[in-house]
């Protein structure tokens, strides 16, 4: 994995871990982006509620797979972290 990829992915994970509505929205967007699904029904209007730094981070997230040395296993770990941190489980997996 490249240093740039690791740094940007670490920033994404740190924001997801931060807490608050923006972090929760970002976690849902990341999970939807990673698994290429609309299960989490991410409303892109949430982008407008991010501050300038996190809007830039969102754009960087969308380009993680374009960085040299990117690793799907690392992206997957952050996707799992997002799902667990914000309890974003698919139907039938949350005990409901």
N, C-alpha and C. Protein backbone atom coordinates (compact mmCIF):
# COMPACT_ATOMS: atom_id res chain seq x y z
N UNK A 1 0.85 -1.19 0.00
CA UNK A 1 0.00 0.00 0.00
C UNK A 1 0.89 1.24 0.00
N UNK A 2 0.47 2.23 -0.73
CA UNK A 2 1.24 3.46 -0.80
C UNK A 2 0.98 4.32 0.44
N UNK A 3 1.92 5.17 0.74
CA UNK A 3 1.80 6.08 1.89
C UNK A 3 0.61 7.01 1.70
N UNK A 4 0.42 7.51 0.48
CA UNK A 4 -0.69 8.42 0.20
C UNK A 4 -2.03 7.73 0.43
N UNK A 5 -2.17 6.50 -0.05
CA UNK A 5 -3.41 5.74 0.14
C UNK A 5 -3.68 5.52 1.63
N UNK A 6 -2.68 5.09 2.36
CA UNK A 6 -2.84 4.83 3.80
C UNK A 6 -3.24 6.10 4.53
N UNK A 7 -2.62 7.22 4.19
CA UNK A 7 -2.91 8.50 4.84
C UNK A 7 -4.36 8.92 4.59
N UNK A 8 -4.77 8.89 3.34
CA UNK A 8 -6.14 9.33 3.00
C UNK A 8 -7.19 8.39 3.60
N UNK A 9 -6.93 7.09 3.57
CA UNK A 9 -7.87 6.15 4.16
C UNK A 9 -7.95 6.34 5.67
N UNK A 10 -6.84 6.65 6.29
CA UNK A 10 -6.83 6.91 7.74
C UNK A 10 -7.65 8.15 8.07
N UNK A 11 -7.58 9.16 7.22
CA UNK A 11 -8.38 10.37 7.42
C UNK A 11 -9.86 10.07 7.30
N UNK A 12 -10.22 9.23 6.33
CA UNK A 12 -11.62 8.82 6.15
C UNK A 12 -12.10 8.09 7.40
N UNK A 13 -11.32 7.14 7.88
CA UNK A 13 -11.71 6.37 9.06
C UNK A 13 -11.84 7.27 10.29
N UNK A 14 -10.94 8.20 10.44
CA UNK A 14 -10.98 9.12 11.60
C UNK A 14 -12.25 9.96 11.57
N UNK A 15 -12.66 10.42 10.40
CA UNK A 15 -13.88 11.21 10.31
C UNK A 15 -15.11 10.36 10.61
N UNK A 16 -15.13 9.13 10.11
CA UNK A 16 -16.25 8.22 10.40
C UNK A 16 -16.34 7.98 11.90
N UNK A 17 -15.21 7.86 12.57
CA UNK A 17 -15.17 7.58 14.00
C UNK A 17 -15.55 8.79 14.85
N UNK A 18 -15.44 9.97 14.29
CA UNK A 18 -15.61 11.22 15.04
C UNK A 18 -16.94 11.33 15.77
N UNK A 19 -18.01 11.00 15.12
CA UNK A 19 -19.32 11.13 15.74
C UNK A 19 -20.05 12.35 15.20
N UNK A 20 -21.36 12.35 15.33
CA UNK A 20 -22.18 13.45 14.84
C UNK A 20 -22.85 13.08 13.53
N UNK A 21 -23.80 13.92 13.14
CA UNK A 21 -24.59 13.64 11.94
C UNK A 21 -23.75 13.58 10.68
N UNK A 22 -22.78 14.47 10.55
CA UNK A 22 -21.95 14.48 9.34
C UNK A 22 -21.13 13.19 9.24
N UNK A 23 -20.61 12.73 10.36
CA UNK A 23 -19.84 11.48 10.35
C UNK A 23 -20.72 10.29 10.03
N UNK A 24 -21.93 10.30 10.54
CA UNK A 24 -22.85 9.20 10.24
C UNK A 24 -23.21 9.20 8.76
N UNK A 25 -23.50 10.37 8.21
CA UNK A 25 -23.80 10.45 6.78
C UNK A 25 -22.62 9.95 5.96
N UNK A 26 -21.42 10.38 6.34
CA UNK A 26 -20.21 9.99 5.62
C UNK A 26 -20.03 8.48 5.69
N UNK A 27 -20.29 7.88 6.84
CA UNK A 27 -20.16 6.43 7.00
C UNK A 27 -21.12 5.71 6.05
N UNK A 28 -22.34 6.18 5.96
CA UNK A 28 -23.33 5.58 5.05
C UNK A 28 -22.87 5.74 3.60
N UNK A 29 -22.36 6.92 3.27
CA UNK A 29 -21.88 7.16 1.91
C UNK A 29 -20.69 6.26 1.59
N UNK A 30 -19.79 6.10 2.55
CA UNK A 30 -18.63 5.23 2.33
C UNK A 30 -19.07 3.79 2.10
N UNK A 31 -19.96 3.29 2.95
CA UNK A 31 -20.43 1.90 2.81
C UNK A 31 -21.12 1.72 1.46
N UNK A 32 -21.92 2.68 1.06
CA UNK A 32 -22.61 2.60 -0.23
C UNK A 32 -21.61 2.63 -1.37
N UNK A 33 -20.60 3.48 -1.26
CA UNK A 33 -19.55 3.56 -2.29
C UNK A 33 -18.75 2.27 -2.35
N UNK A 34 -18.36 1.75 -1.18
CA UNK A 34 -17.52 0.55 -1.17
C UNK A 34 -18.26 -0.65 -1.78
N UNK A 35 -19.49 -0.89 -1.32
CA UNK A 35 -20.23 -2.07 -1.78
C UNK A 35 -21.03 -1.82 -3.05
N UNK A 36 -20.98 -0.61 -3.59
CA UNK A 36 -21.68 -0.25 -4.81
C UNK A 36 -23.14 -0.67 -4.72
N UNK A 37 -23.80 -0.11 -3.73
CA UNK A 37 -25.20 -0.45 -3.49
C UNK A 37 -25.96 0.80 -3.06
N UNK A 38 -27.25 0.76 -3.26
CA UNK A 38 -28.09 1.86 -2.77
C UNK A 38 -28.83 1.46 -1.49
N UNK A 39 -28.41 0.36 -0.87
CA UNK A 39 -29.07 -0.10 0.35
C UNK A 39 -29.17 1.00 1.39
N UNK A 40 -28.12 1.79 1.56
CA UNK A 40 -28.09 2.80 2.61
C UNK A 40 -28.79 4.09 2.20
N UNK A 41 -29.31 4.16 0.99
CA UNK A 41 -30.08 5.31 0.52
C UNK A 41 -29.44 6.62 0.93
N UNK A 42 -28.25 6.85 0.45
CA UNK A 42 -27.51 8.06 0.79
C UNK A 42 -28.05 9.22 -0.02
N UNK A 43 -28.56 10.22 0.66
CA UNK A 43 -29.02 11.43 0.02
C UNK A 43 -27.82 12.36 -0.12
N UNK A 44 -27.45 12.67 -1.34
CA UNK A 44 -26.26 13.48 -1.56
C UNK A 44 -26.40 14.91 -1.06
N UNK A 45 -27.58 15.29 -0.64
CA UNK A 45 -27.76 16.60 -0.02
C UNK A 45 -26.91 16.72 1.24
N UNK A 46 -26.58 15.59 1.87
CA UNK A 46 -25.73 15.61 3.05
C UNK A 46 -24.37 16.21 2.79
N UNK A 47 -23.92 16.14 1.54
CA UNK A 47 -22.63 16.73 1.16
C UNK A 47 -22.58 18.22 1.50
N UNK A 48 -23.70 18.90 1.31
CA UNK A 48 -23.77 20.33 1.57
C UNK A 48 -23.59 20.66 3.05
N UNK A 49 -23.80 19.69 3.91
CA UNK A 49 -23.68 19.93 5.35
C UNK A 49 -22.28 19.65 5.88
N UNK A 50 -21.39 19.19 5.01
CA UNK A 50 -20.00 18.97 5.40
C UNK A 50 -19.25 20.30 5.35
N UNK A 51 -18.30 20.47 6.26
CA UNK A 51 -17.46 21.66 6.15
C UNK A 51 -16.50 21.48 4.98
N UNK A 52 -15.76 22.52 4.64
CA UNK A 52 -14.90 22.49 3.45
C UNK A 52 -13.88 21.35 3.51
N UNK A 53 -13.31 21.12 4.68
CA UNK A 53 -12.31 20.05 4.83
C UNK A 53 -12.92 18.69 4.54
N UNK A 54 -14.11 18.45 5.06
CA UNK A 54 -14.74 17.14 4.88
C UNK A 54 -15.38 16.99 3.51
N UNK A 55 -15.72 18.09 2.84
CA UNK A 55 -16.15 18.00 1.43
C UNK A 55 -14.95 17.53 0.59
N UNK A 56 -13.78 18.07 0.88
CA UNK A 56 -12.58 17.64 0.16
C UNK A 56 -12.29 16.17 0.47
N UNK A 57 -12.47 15.77 1.74
CA UNK A 57 -12.24 14.38 2.13
C UNK A 57 -13.21 13.45 1.38
N UNK A 58 -14.45 13.88 1.19
CA UNK A 58 -15.43 13.09 0.46
C UNK A 58 -14.95 12.85 -0.97
N UNK A 59 -14.47 13.89 -1.62
CA UNK A 59 -13.93 13.77 -2.97
C UNK A 59 -12.74 12.83 -3.00
N UNK A 60 -11.88 12.94 -2.00
CA UNK A 60 -10.73 12.04 -1.93
C UNK A 60 -11.17 10.59 -1.72
N UNK A 61 -12.23 10.40 -0.93
CA UNK A 61 -12.75 9.05 -0.72
C UNK A 61 -13.19 8.44 -2.04
N UNK A 62 -13.88 9.23 -2.86
CA UNK A 62 -14.36 8.73 -4.14
C UNK A 62 -13.23 8.32 -5.08
N UNK A 63 -12.04 8.81 -4.82
CA UNK A 63 -10.89 8.52 -5.68
C UNK A 63 -9.89 7.56 -5.06
N UNK A 64 -10.20 6.96 -3.93
CA UNK A 64 -9.25 6.06 -3.26
C UNK A 64 -8.80 4.92 -4.17
N UNK A 65 -9.71 4.37 -4.96
CA UNK A 65 -9.35 3.24 -5.83
C UNK A 65 -8.48 3.66 -7.01
N UNK A 66 -8.30 4.94 -7.19
CA UNK A 66 -7.46 5.44 -8.29
C UNK A 66 -6.02 5.69 -7.84
N UNK A 67 -5.77 5.61 -6.53
CA UNK A 67 -4.43 5.86 -6.02
C UNK A 67 -3.54 4.65 -6.25
N UNK A 68 -2.28 4.91 -6.55
CA UNK A 68 -1.31 3.82 -6.67
C UNK A 68 -1.22 3.09 -5.34
N UNK A 69 -1.15 1.79 -5.39
CA UNK A 69 -0.96 0.99 -4.19
C UNK A 69 -2.20 0.83 -3.33
N UNK A 70 -3.39 1.12 -3.89
CA UNK A 70 -4.60 0.94 -3.08
C UNK A 70 -4.82 -0.56 -2.85
N UNK A 71 -5.49 -0.86 -1.75
CA UNK A 71 -5.73 -2.26 -1.38
C UNK A 71 -7.19 -2.44 -0.99
N UNK A 72 -7.86 -3.36 -1.66
CA UNK A 72 -9.26 -3.60 -1.36
C UNK A 72 -9.44 -4.07 0.08
N UNK A 73 -8.52 -4.84 0.59
CA UNK A 73 -8.65 -5.33 1.98
C UNK A 73 -8.69 -4.16 2.97
N UNK A 74 -7.93 -3.12 2.72
CA UNK A 74 -7.93 -1.95 3.60
C UNK A 74 -9.24 -1.18 3.47
N UNK A 75 -9.74 -1.04 2.23
CA UNK A 75 -11.04 -0.38 2.02
C UNK A 75 -12.15 -1.16 2.73
N UNK A 76 -12.08 -2.47 2.62
CA UNK A 76 -13.07 -3.34 3.25
C UNK A 76 -13.08 -3.18 4.77
N UNK A 77 -11.90 -3.12 5.36
CA UNK A 77 -11.81 -2.95 6.82
C UNK A 77 -12.48 -1.66 7.27
N UNK A 78 -12.29 -0.59 6.52
CA UNK A 78 -12.93 0.68 6.88
C UNK A 78 -14.43 0.60 6.65
N UNK A 79 -14.86 -0.10 5.60
CA UNK A 79 -16.30 -0.27 5.38
C UNK A 79 -16.94 -1.03 6.54
N UNK A 80 -16.29 -2.09 6.99
CA UNK A 80 -16.81 -2.83 8.15
C UNK A 80 -16.82 -1.95 9.40
N UNK A 81 -15.77 -1.17 9.57
CA UNK A 81 -15.71 -0.25 10.71
C UNK A 81 -16.89 0.73 10.66
N UNK A 82 -17.18 1.28 9.48
CA UNK A 82 -18.29 2.22 9.34
C UNK A 82 -19.62 1.57 9.70
N UNK A 83 -19.82 0.35 9.20
CA UNK A 83 -21.07 -0.38 9.47
C UNK A 83 -21.20 -0.67 10.97
N UNK A 84 -20.13 -1.09 11.59
CA UNK A 84 -20.17 -1.40 13.03
C UNK A 84 -20.29 -0.14 13.87
N UNK A 85 -19.55 0.90 13.53
CA UNK A 85 -19.56 2.15 14.31
C UNK A 85 -20.95 2.77 14.34
N UNK A 86 -21.65 2.71 13.20
CA UNK A 86 -22.96 3.36 13.09
C UNK A 86 -24.12 2.38 12.97
N UNK A 87 -23.86 1.11 13.24
CA UNK A 87 -24.90 0.07 13.22
C UNK A 87 -25.69 0.10 11.91
N UNK A 88 -24.96 0.09 10.81
CA UNK A 88 -25.55 0.15 9.47
C UNK A 88 -25.73 -1.24 8.89
N UNK A 89 -26.36 -2.11 9.64
CA UNK A 89 -26.48 -3.50 9.22
C UNK A 89 -27.62 -3.70 8.23
N UNK A 90 -27.42 -4.57 7.24
CA UNK A 90 -28.50 -4.91 6.31
C UNK A 90 -29.65 -5.59 7.03
N UNK A 91 -30.85 -5.57 6.45
CA UNK A 91 -32.00 -6.23 7.07
C UNK A 91 -31.69 -7.71 7.37
N UNK A 92 -32.13 -8.17 8.52
CA UNK A 92 -31.92 -9.55 8.91
C UNK A 92 -30.59 -9.78 9.59
N UNK A 93 -29.73 -8.78 9.65
CA UNK A 93 -28.43 -8.94 10.28
C UNK A 93 -28.33 -8.17 11.59
N UNK A 94 -29.36 -7.42 11.92
CA UNK A 94 -29.32 -6.61 13.13
C UNK A 94 -30.16 -7.18 14.25
N UNK A 95 -30.63 -8.37 14.07
CA UNK A 95 -31.44 -9.01 15.10
C UNK A 95 -32.91 -8.66 15.00
N UNK A 96 -33.26 -7.79 14.02
CA UNK A 96 -34.65 -7.37 13.88
C UNK A 96 -35.42 -8.34 13.00
